[in-house]
């Protein structure tokens, strides 16, 4: 199973970066993250979204809906980080 559609690490990092940037854009609040953490957020979101989407039967591997699943997964991770972050 290849959740990113490729085993090329550069491709995975670029897709993760795009997903991470989009997730940060659609969620409210200010986040202080660098480019590496943003890419890791997108990669983690893609892994979570791919796993959940295929477990629930929403889409199969390689479908375009996987990108939306990756974005949703990254938004969920951002939400969890916001909940776990100590208050100011």
PDB file of N, CA and C in Angstrom:
ATOM      1  N   UNK A   1       0.843  -1.175   0.000  1.00  0.00           N
ATOM      2  CA  UNK A   1       0.000   0.000   0.000  1.00  0.00           C
ATOM      3  C   UNK A   1       0.889   1.238   0.000  1.00  0.00           C
ATOM      4  N   UNK A   2       0.667   2.110  -0.924  1.00  0.00           N
ATOM      5  CA  UNK A   2       1.387   3.369  -1.009  1.00  0.00           C
ATOM      6  C   UNK A   2       0.386   4.503  -0.808  1.00  0.00           C
ATOM      7  N   UNK A   3       0.352   5.087   0.399  1.00  0.00           N
ATOM      8  CA  UNK A   3      -0.657   6.108   0.674  1.00  0.00           C
ATOM      9  C   UNK A   3      -0.478   7.386  -0.133  1.00  0.00           C
ATOM     10  N   UNK A   4       0.699   7.609  -0.684  1.00  0.00           N
ATOM     11  CA  UNK A   4       0.955   8.840  -1.424  1.00  0.00           C
ATOM     12  C   UNK A   4       0.947   8.631  -2.928  1.00  0.00           C
ATOM     13  N   UNK A   5       0.745   7.419  -3.377  1.00  0.00           N
ATOM     14  CA  UNK A   5       0.746   7.146  -4.801  1.00  0.00           C
ATOM     15  C   UNK A   5       2.135   6.977  -5.379  1.00  0.00           C
ATOM     16  N   UNK A   6       3.158   7.051  -4.545  1.00  0.00           N
ATOM     17  CA  UNK A   6       4.529   6.936  -5.001  1.00  0.00           C
ATOM     18  C   UNK A   6       5.414   6.559  -3.826  1.00  0.00           C
ATOM     19  N   UNK A   7       6.547   5.963  -4.131  1.00  0.00           N
ATOM     20  CA  UNK A   7       7.513   5.676  -3.069  1.00  0.00           C
ATOM     21  C   UNK A   7       8.699   6.639  -3.143  1.00  0.00           C
ATOM     22  N   UNK A   8       8.620   7.651  -4.002  1.00  0.00           N
ATOM     23  CA  UNK A   8       9.658   8.664  -4.145  1.00  0.00           C
ATOM     24  C   UNK A   8       9.558   9.657  -2.981  1.00  0.00           C
ATOM     25  N   UNK A   9      10.621   9.785  -2.192  1.00  0.00           N
ATOM     26  CA  UNK A   9      10.587  10.630  -1.008  1.00  0.00           C
ATOM     27  C   UNK A   9      10.402  12.105  -1.338  1.00  0.00           C
ATOM     28  N   UNK A  10      10.939  12.568  -2.437  1.00  0.00           N
ATOM     29  CA  UNK A  10      10.761  13.968  -2.812  1.00  0.00           C
ATOM     30  C   UNK A  10       9.290  14.256  -3.115  1.00  0.00           C
ATOM     31  N   UNK A  11       8.658  13.350  -3.831  1.00  0.00           N
ATOM     32  CA  UNK A  11       7.227  13.487  -4.134  1.00  0.00           C
ATOM     33  C   UNK A  11       6.407  13.502  -2.848  1.00  0.00           C
ATOM     34  N   UNK A  12       6.725  12.604  -1.918  1.00  0.00           N
ATOM     35  CA  UNK A  12       6.006  12.527  -0.650  1.00  0.00           C
ATOM     36  C   UNK A  12       6.172  13.823   0.138  1.00  0.00           C
ATOM     37  N   UNK A  13       7.383  14.371   0.178  1.00  0.00           N
ATOM     38  CA  UNK A  13       7.634  15.616   0.898  1.00  0.00           C
ATOM     39  C   UNK A  13       6.878  16.784   0.264  1.00  0.00           C
ATOM     40  N   UNK A  14       6.835  16.843  -1.059  1.00  0.00           N
ATOM     41  CA  UNK A  14       6.117  17.932  -1.732  1.00  0.00           C
ATOM     42  C   UNK A  14       4.615  17.839  -1.514  1.00  0.00           C
ATOM     43  N   UNK A  15       4.066  16.633  -1.604  1.00  0.00           N
ATOM     44  CA  UNK A  15       2.630  16.455  -1.350  1.00  0.00           C
ATOM     45  C   UNK A  15       2.326  16.805   0.107  1.00  0.00           C
ATOM     46  N   UNK A  16       3.190  16.363   1.026  1.00  0.00           N
ATOM     47  CA  UNK A  16       3.007  16.695   2.439  1.00  0.00           C
ATOM     48  C   UNK A  16       3.047  18.186   2.682  1.00  0.00           C
ATOM     49  N   UNK A  17       3.951  18.879   2.013  1.00  0.00           N
ATOM     50  CA  UNK A  17       4.049  20.329   2.168  1.00  0.00           C
ATOM     51  C   UNK A  17       2.783  21.021   1.667  1.00  0.00           C
ATOM     52  N   UNK A  18       2.295  20.616   0.517  1.00  0.00           N
ATOM     53  CA  UNK A  18       1.081  21.221  -0.039  1.00  0.00           C
ATOM     54  C   UNK A  18      -0.108  20.967   0.886  1.00  0.00           C
ATOM     55  N   UNK A  19      -0.260  19.740   1.342  1.00  0.00           N
ATOM     56  CA  UNK A  19      -1.368  19.412   2.241  1.00  0.00           C
ATOM     57  C   UNK A  19      -1.236  20.176   3.553  1.00  0.00           C
ATOM     58  N   UNK A  20      -0.023  20.255   4.101  1.00  0.00           N
ATOM     59  CA  UNK A  20       0.193  20.986   5.342  1.00  0.00           C
ATOM     60  C   UNK A  20      -0.128  22.468   5.219  1.00  0.00           C
ATOM     61  N   UNK A  21       0.297  23.069   4.129  1.00  0.00           N
ATOM     62  CA  UNK A  21       0.012  24.500   3.908  1.00  0.00           C
ATOM     63  C   UNK A  21      -1.489  24.721   3.779  1.00  0.00           C
ATOM     64  N   UNK A  22      -2.172  23.870   3.030  1.00  0.00           N
ATOM     65  CA  UNK A  22      -3.626  24.008   2.877  1.00  0.00           C
ATOM     66  C   UNK A  22      -4.340  23.809   4.208  1.00  0.00           C
ATOM     67  N   UNK A  23      -3.896  22.843   5.004  1.00  0.00           N
ATOM     68  CA  UNK A  23      -4.524  22.599   6.305  1.00  0.00           C
ATOM     69  C   UNK A  23      -4.341  23.801   7.223  1.00  0.00           C
ATOM     70  N   UNK A  24      -3.154  24.386   7.211  1.00  0.00           N
ATOM     71  CA  UNK A  24      -2.911  25.577   8.035  1.00  0.00           C
ATOM     72  C   UNK A  24      -3.742  26.754   7.544  1.00  0.00           C
ATOM     73  N   UNK A  25      -3.994  26.809   6.248  1.00  0.00           N
ATOM     74  CA  UNK A  25      -4.767  27.904   5.670  1.00  0.00           C
ATOM     75  C   UNK A  25      -6.245  27.811   6.060  1.00  0.00           C
ATOM     76  N   UNK A  26      -6.813  26.600   6.089  1.00  0.00           N
ATOM     77  CA  UNK A  26      -8.249  26.457   6.330  1.00  0.00           C
ATOM     78  C   UNK A  26      -8.611  26.395   7.806  1.00  0.00           C
ATOM     79  N   UNK A  27      -7.644  26.219   8.692  1.00  0.00           N
ATOM     80  CA  UNK A  27      -7.950  26.196  10.122  1.00  0.00           C
ATOM     81  C   UNK A  27      -7.687  27.568  10.723  1.00  0.00           C
ATOM     82  N   UNK A  28      -8.551  27.996  11.636  1.00  0.00           N
ATOM     83  CA  UNK A  28      -8.358  29.313  12.236  1.00  0.00           C
ATOM     84  C   UNK A  28      -7.221  29.304  13.255  1.00  0.00           C
ATOM     85  N   UNK A  29      -6.695  30.456  13.519  1.00  0.00           N
ATOM     86  CA  UNK A  29      -5.638  30.593  14.520  1.00  0.00           C
ATOM     87  C   UNK A  29      -4.272  30.737  13.885  1.00  0.00           C
ATOM     88  N   UNK A  30      -3.363  31.249  14.687  1.00  0.00           N
ATOM     89  CA  UNK A  30      -2.000  31.460  14.209  1.00  0.00           C
ATOM     90  C   UNK A  30      -1.137  30.298  14.669  1.00  0.00           C
ATOM     91  N   UNK A  31      -0.391  29.735  13.756  1.00  0.00           N
ATOM     92  CA  UNK A  31       0.469  28.609  14.071  1.00  0.00           C
ATOM     93  C   UNK A  31       1.904  28.969  13.721  1.00  0.00           C
ATOM     94  N   UNK A  32       2.773  28.817  14.659  1.00  0.00           N
ATOM     95  CA  UNK A  32       4.196  29.066  14.404  1.00  0.00           C
ATOM     96  C   UNK A  32       4.863  27.748  14.072  1.00  0.00           C
ATOM     97  N   UNK A  33       4.919  27.452  12.796  1.00  0.00           N
ATOM     98  CA  UNK A  33       5.551  26.227  12.306  1.00  0.00           C
ATOM     99  C   UNK A  33       6.447  26.599  11.148  1.00  0.00           C
ATOM    100  N   UNK A  34       7.544  25.924  11.063  1.00  0.00           N
ATOM    101  CA  UNK A  34       8.420  26.118   9.923  1.00  0.00           C
ATOM    102  C   UNK A  34       7.987  25.232   8.768  1.00  0.00           C
ATOM    103  N   UNK A  35       8.755  25.267   7.721  1.00  0.00           N
ATOM    104  CA  UNK A  35       8.420  24.506   6.520  1.00  0.00           C
ATOM    105  C   UNK A  35       8.527  22.994   6.763  1.00  0.00           C
ATOM    106  N   UNK A  36       9.474  22.580   7.599  1.00  0.00           N
ATOM    107  CA  UNK A  36       9.646  21.147   7.849  1.00  0.00           C
ATOM    108  C   UNK A  36       8.483  20.609   8.668  1.00  0.00           C
ATOM    109  N   UNK A  37       8.070  21.333   9.715  1.00  0.00           N
ATOM    110  CA  UNK A  37       6.923  20.881  10.511  1.00  0.00           C
ATOM    111  C   UNK A  37       5.634  20.907   9.696  1.00  0.00           C
ATOM    112  N   UNK A  38       5.501  21.870   8.807  1.00  0.00           N
ATOM    113  CA  UNK A  38       4.328  21.920   7.943  1.00  0.00           C
ATOM    114  C   UNK A  38       4.292  20.707   7.018  1.00  0.00           C
ATOM    115  N   UNK A  39       5.435  20.352   6.450  1.00  0.00           N
ATOM    116  CA  UNK A  39       5.492  19.160   5.585  1.00  0.00           C
ATOM    117  C   UNK A  39       5.203  17.896   6.388  1.00  0.00           C
ATOM    118  N   UNK A  40       5.738  17.809   7.611  1.00  0.00           N
ATOM    119  CA  UNK A  40       5.465  16.641   8.455  1.00  0.00           C
ATOM    120  C   UNK A  40       3.995  16.572   8.839  1.00  0.00           C
ATOM    121  N   UNK A  41       3.377  17.713   9.060  1.00  0.00           N
ATOM    122  CA  UNK A  41       1.947  17.760   9.332  1.00  0.00           C
ATOM    123  C   UNK A  41       1.168  17.194   8.152  1.00  0.00           C
ATOM    124  N   UNK A  42       1.535  17.601   6.946  1.00  0.00           N
ATOM    125  CA  UNK A  42       0.855  17.103   5.751  1.00  0.00           C
ATOM    126  C   UNK A  42       1.074  15.624   5.536  1.00  0.00           C
ATOM    127  N   UNK A  43       2.267  15.140   5.796  1.00  0.00           N
ATOM    128  CA  UNK A  43       2.558  13.713   5.643  1.00  0.00           C
ATOM    129  C   UNK A  43       1.754  12.914   6.667  1.00  0.00           C
ATOM    130  N   UNK A  44       1.745  13.384   7.912  1.00  0.00           N
ATOM    131  CA  UNK A  44       0.955  12.711   8.943  1.00  0.00           C
ATOM    132  C   UNK A  44      -0.528  12.731   8.621  1.00  0.00           C
ATOM    133  N   UNK A  45      -1.002  13.856   8.123  1.00  0.00           N
ATOM    134  CA  UNK A  45      -2.404  13.960   7.721  1.00  0.00           C
ATOM    135  C   UNK A  45      -2.740  13.025   6.578  1.00  0.00           C
ATOM    136  N   UNK A  46      -1.822  12.887   5.637  1.00  0.00           N
ATOM    137  CA  UNK A  46      -2.043  11.969   4.520  1.00  0.00           C
ATOM    138  C   UNK A  46      -2.100  10.519   5.003  1.00  0.00           C
ATOM    139  N   UNK A  47      -1.223  10.183   5.926  1.00  0.00           N
ATOM    140  CA  UNK A  47      -1.250   8.820   6.471  1.00  0.00           C
ATOM    141  C   UNK A  47      -2.549   8.558   7.223  1.00  0.00           C
ATOM    142  N   UNK A  48      -2.956   9.517   8.075  1.00  0.00           N
ATOM    143  CA  UNK A  48      -4.193   9.361   8.826  1.00  0.00           C
ATOM    144  C   UNK A  48      -5.406   9.338   7.908  1.00  0.00           C
ATOM    145  N   UNK A  49      -5.459  10.254   6.959  1.00  0.00           N
ATOM    146  CA  UNK A  49      -6.592  10.325   6.039  1.00  0.00           C
ATOM    147  C   UNK A  49      -6.699   9.108   5.143  1.00  0.00           C
ATOM    148  N   UNK A  50      -5.569   8.610   4.670  1.00  0.00           N
ATOM    149  CA  UNK A  50      -5.572   7.420   3.819  1.00  0.00           C
ATOM    150  C   UNK A  50      -6.036   6.208   4.600  1.00  0.00           C
ATOM    151  N   UNK A  51      -5.507   6.049   5.798  1.00  0.00           N
ATOM    152  CA  UNK A  51      -5.889   4.907   6.619  1.00  0.00           C
ATOM    153  C   UNK A  51      -7.388   4.938   6.937  1.00  0.00           C
ATOM    154  N   UNK A  52      -7.874   6.098   7.412  1.00  0.00           N
ATOM    155  CA  UNK A  52      -9.286   6.212   7.799  1.00  0.00           C
ATOM    156  C   UNK A  52     -10.204   6.053   6.587  1.00  0.00           C
ATOM    157  N   UNK A  53      -9.864   6.697   5.484  1.00  0.00           N
ATOM    158  CA  UNK A  53     -10.701   6.618   4.296  1.00  0.00           C
ATOM    159  C   UNK A  53     -10.821   5.204   3.744  1.00  0.00           C
ATOM    160  N   UNK A  54      -9.747   4.456   3.786  1.00  0.00           N
ATOM    161  CA  UNK A  54      -9.788   3.085   3.276  1.00  0.00           C
ATOM    162  C   UNK A  54     -10.434   2.140   4.281  1.00  0.00           C
ATOM    163  N   UNK A  55     -10.271   2.401   5.580  1.00  0.00           N
ATOM    164  CA  UNK A  55     -10.909   1.556   6.589  1.00  0.00           C
ATOM    165  C   UNK A  55     -12.429   1.694   6.550  1.00  0.00           C
ATOM    166  N   UNK A  56     -12.913   2.899   6.331  1.00  0.00           N
ATOM    167  CA  UNK A  56     -14.354   3.130   6.271  1.00  0.00           C
ATOM    168  C   UNK A  56     -14.931   2.893   4.884  1.00  0.00           C
ATOM    169  N   UNK A  57     -14.089   2.591   3.920  1.00  0.00           N
ATOM    170  CA  UNK A  57     -14.554   2.291   2.564  1.00  0.00           C
ATOM    171  C   UNK A  57     -14.987   3.503   1.768  1.00  0.00           C
ATOM    172  N   UNK A  58     -14.487   4.683   2.135  1.00  0.00           N
ATOM    173  CA  UNK A  58     -14.865   5.895   1.426  1.00  0.00           C
ATOM    174  C   UNK A  58     -14.219   5.977   0.056  1.00  0.00           C
ATOM    175  N   UNK A  59     -13.007   5.458  -0.078  1.00  0.00           N
ATOM    176  CA  UNK A  59     -12.311   5.461  -1.361  1.00  0.00           C
ATOM    177  C   UNK A  59     -11.240   4.389  -1.348  1.00  0.00           C
ATOM    178  N   UNK A  60     -10.768   4.073  -2.544  1.00  0.00           N
ATOM    179  CA  UNK A  60      -9.714   3.070  -2.712  1.00  0.00           C
ATOM    180  C   UNK A  60      -8.381   3.781  -2.934  1.00  0.00           C
ATOM    181  N   UNK A  61      -7.308   3.020  -2.839  1.00  0.00           N
ATOM    182  CA  UNK A  61      -5.970   3.578  -3.061  1.00  0.00           C
ATOM    183  C   UNK A  61      -5.859   4.131  -4.474  1.00  0.00           C
ATOM    184  N   UNK A  62      -5.265   5.300  -4.605  1.00  0.00           N
ATOM    185  CA  UNK A  62      -5.042   5.907  -5.908  1.00  0.00           C
ATOM    186  C   UNK A  62      -6.153   6.814  -6.396  1.00  0.00           C
ATOM    187  N   UNK A  63      -7.247   6.923  -5.669  1.00  0.00           N
ATOM    188  CA  UNK A  63      -8.335   7.799  -6.098  1.00  0.00           C
ATOM    189  C   UNK A  63      -8.041   9.243  -5.712  1.00  0.00           C
ATOM    190  N   UNK A  64      -8.625  10.180  -6.439  1.00  0.00           N
ATOM    191  CA  UNK A  64      -8.391  11.604  -6.176  1.00  0.00           C
ATOM    192  C   UNK A  64      -8.964  12.033  -4.828  1.00  0.00           C
ATOM    193  N   UNK A  65      -9.931  11.320  -4.311  1.00  0.00           N
ATOM    194  CA  UNK A  65     -10.500  11.648  -3.004  1.00  0.00           C
ATOM    195  C   UNK A  65      -9.462  11.498  -1.902  1.00  0.00           C
ATOM    196  N   UNK A  66      -8.388  10.790  -2.165  1.00  0.00           N
ATOM    197  CA  UNK A  66      -7.326  10.628  -1.179  1.00  0.00           C
ATOM    198  C   UNK A  66      -6.698  11.953  -0.787  1.00  0.00           C
ATOM    199  N   UNK A  67      -6.647  12.901  -1.711  1.00  0.00           N
ATOM    200  CA  UNK A  67      -6.088  14.221  -1.393  1.00  0.00           C
ATOM    201  C   UNK A  67      -6.976  14.928  -0.377  1.00  0.00           C
ATOM    202  N   UNK A  68      -8.283  14.843  -0.560  1.00  0.00           N
ATOM    203  CA  UNK A  68      -9.195  15.450   0.406  1.00  0.00           C
ATOM    204  C   UNK A  68      -9.108  14.743   1.757  1.00  0.00           C
ATOM    205  N   UNK A  69      -8.921  13.436   1.724  1.00  0.00           N
ATOM    206  CA  UNK A  69      -8.731  12.687   2.960  1.00  0.00           C
ATOM    207  C   UNK A  69      -7.459  13.115   3.674  1.00  0.00           C
ATOM    208  N   UNK A  70      -6.398  13.354   2.914  1.00  0.00           N
ATOM    209  CA  UNK A  70      -5.143  13.820   3.495  1.00  0.00           C
ATOM    210  C   UNK A  70      -5.321  15.195   4.127  1.00  0.00           C
ATOM    211  N   UNK A  71      -6.047  16.074   3.452  1.00  0.00           N
ATOM    212  CA  UNK A  71      -6.307  17.409   3.985  1.00  0.00           C
ATOM    213  C   UNK A  71      -7.134  17.318   5.261  1.00  0.00           C
ATOM    214  N   UNK A  72      -8.148  16.495   5.260  1.00  0.00           N
ATOM    215  CA  UNK A  72      -8.975  16.316   6.448  1.00  0.00           C
ATOM    216  C   UNK A  72      -8.150  15.732   7.600  1.00  0.00           C
ATOM    217  N   UNK A  73      -7.287  14.774   7.287  1.00  0.00           N
ATOM    218  CA  UNK A  73      -6.417  14.203   8.308  1.00  0.00           C
ATOM    219  C   UNK A  73      -5.488  15.237   8.915  1.00  0.00           C
ATOM    220  N   UNK A  74      -4.930  16.118   8.099  1.00  0.00           N
ATOM    221  CA  UNK A  74      -4.043  17.172   8.598  1.00  0.00           C
ATOM    222  C   UNK A  74      -4.811  18.175   9.458  1.00  0.00           C
ATOM    223  N   UNK A  75      -6.050  18.478   9.085  1.00  0.00           N
ATOM    224  CA  UNK A  75      -6.866  19.387   9.884  1.00  0.00           C
ATOM    225  C   UNK A  75      -7.179  18.754  11.241  1.00  0.00           C
ATOM    226  N   UNK A  76      -7.448  17.450  11.251  1.00  0.00           N
ATOM    227  CA  UNK A  76      -7.704  16.744  12.509  1.00  0.00           C
ATOM    228  C   UNK A  76      -6.458  16.792  13.400  1.00  0.00           C
ATOM    229  N   UNK A  77      -5.296  16.573  12.818  1.00  0.00           N
ATOM    230  CA  UNK A  77      -4.055  16.631  13.594  1.00  0.00           C
ATOM    231  C   UNK A  77      -3.837  18.033  14.152  1.00  0.00           C
ATOM    232  N   UNK A  78      -4.100  19.062  13.361  1.00  0.00           N
ATOM    233  CA  UNK A  78      -3.978  20.435  13.858  1.00  0.00           C
ATOM    234  C   UNK A  78      -4.957  20.693  15.008  1.00  0.00           C
ATOM    235  N   UNK A  79      -6.164  20.175  14.899  1.00  0.00           N
ATOM    236  CA  UNK A  79      -7.141  20.324  15.970  1.00  0.00           C
ATOM    237  C   UNK A  79      -6.693  19.640  17.245  1.00  0.00           C
ATOM    238  N   UNK A  80      -6.139  18.445  17.123  1.00  0.00           N
ATOM    239  CA  UNK A  80      -5.628  17.738  18.295  1.00  0.00           C
ATOM    240  C   UNK A  80      -4.458  18.479  18.930  1.00  0.00           C
ATOM    241  N   UNK A  81      -3.578  19.021  18.092  1.00  0.00           N
ATOM    242  CA  UNK A  81      -2.464  19.800  18.633  1.00  0.00           C
ATOM    243  C   UNK A  81      -2.955  21.038  19.373  1.00  0.00           C
ATOM    244  N   UNK A  82      -3.983  21.658  18.861  1.00  0.00           N
ATOM    245  CA  UNK A  82      -4.557  22.840  19.511  1.00  0.00           C
ATOM    246  C   UNK A  82      -5.142  22.468  20.869  1.00  0.00           C
ATOM    247  N   UNK A  83      -5.800  21.307  20.957  1.00  0.00           N
ATOM    248  CA  UNK A  83      -6.371  20.869  22.231  1.00  0.00           C
ATOM    249  C   UNK A  83      -5.299  20.517  23.251  1.00  0.00           C
ATOM    250  N   UNK A  84      -4.204  19.938  22.795  1.00  0.00           N
ATOM    251  CA  UNK A  84      -3.143  19.499  23.694  1.00  0.00           C
ATOM    252  C   UNK A  84      -2.172  20.605  24.072  1.00  0.00           C
ATOM    253  N   UNK A  85      -2.201  21.701  23.335  1.00  0.00           N
ATOM    254  CA  UNK A  85      -1.279  22.809  23.592  1.00  0.00           C
ATOM    255  C   UNK A  85      -1.670  23.514  24.885  1.00  0.00           C
ATOM    256  N   UNK A  86      -0.694  23.786  25.734  1.00  0.00           N
ATOM    257  CA  UNK A  86      -1.019  24.471  26.997  1.00  0.00           C
ATOM    258  C   UNK A  86      -1.563  25.861  26.742  1.00  0.00           C
ATOM    259  N   UNK A  87      -2.547  26.257  27.558  1.00  0.00           N
ATOM    260  CA  UNK A  87      -3.158  27.570  27.406  1.00  0.00           C
ATOM    261  C   UNK A  87      -2.223  28.693  27.785  1.00  0.00           C
ATOM    262  N   UNK A  88      -2.519  29.859  27.243  1.00  0.00           N
ATOM    263  CA  UNK A  88      -1.669  31.014  27.530  1.00  0.00           C
ATOM    264  C   UNK A  88      -2.366  31.924  28.509  1.00  0.00           C
TER     265      UNK A  88
END
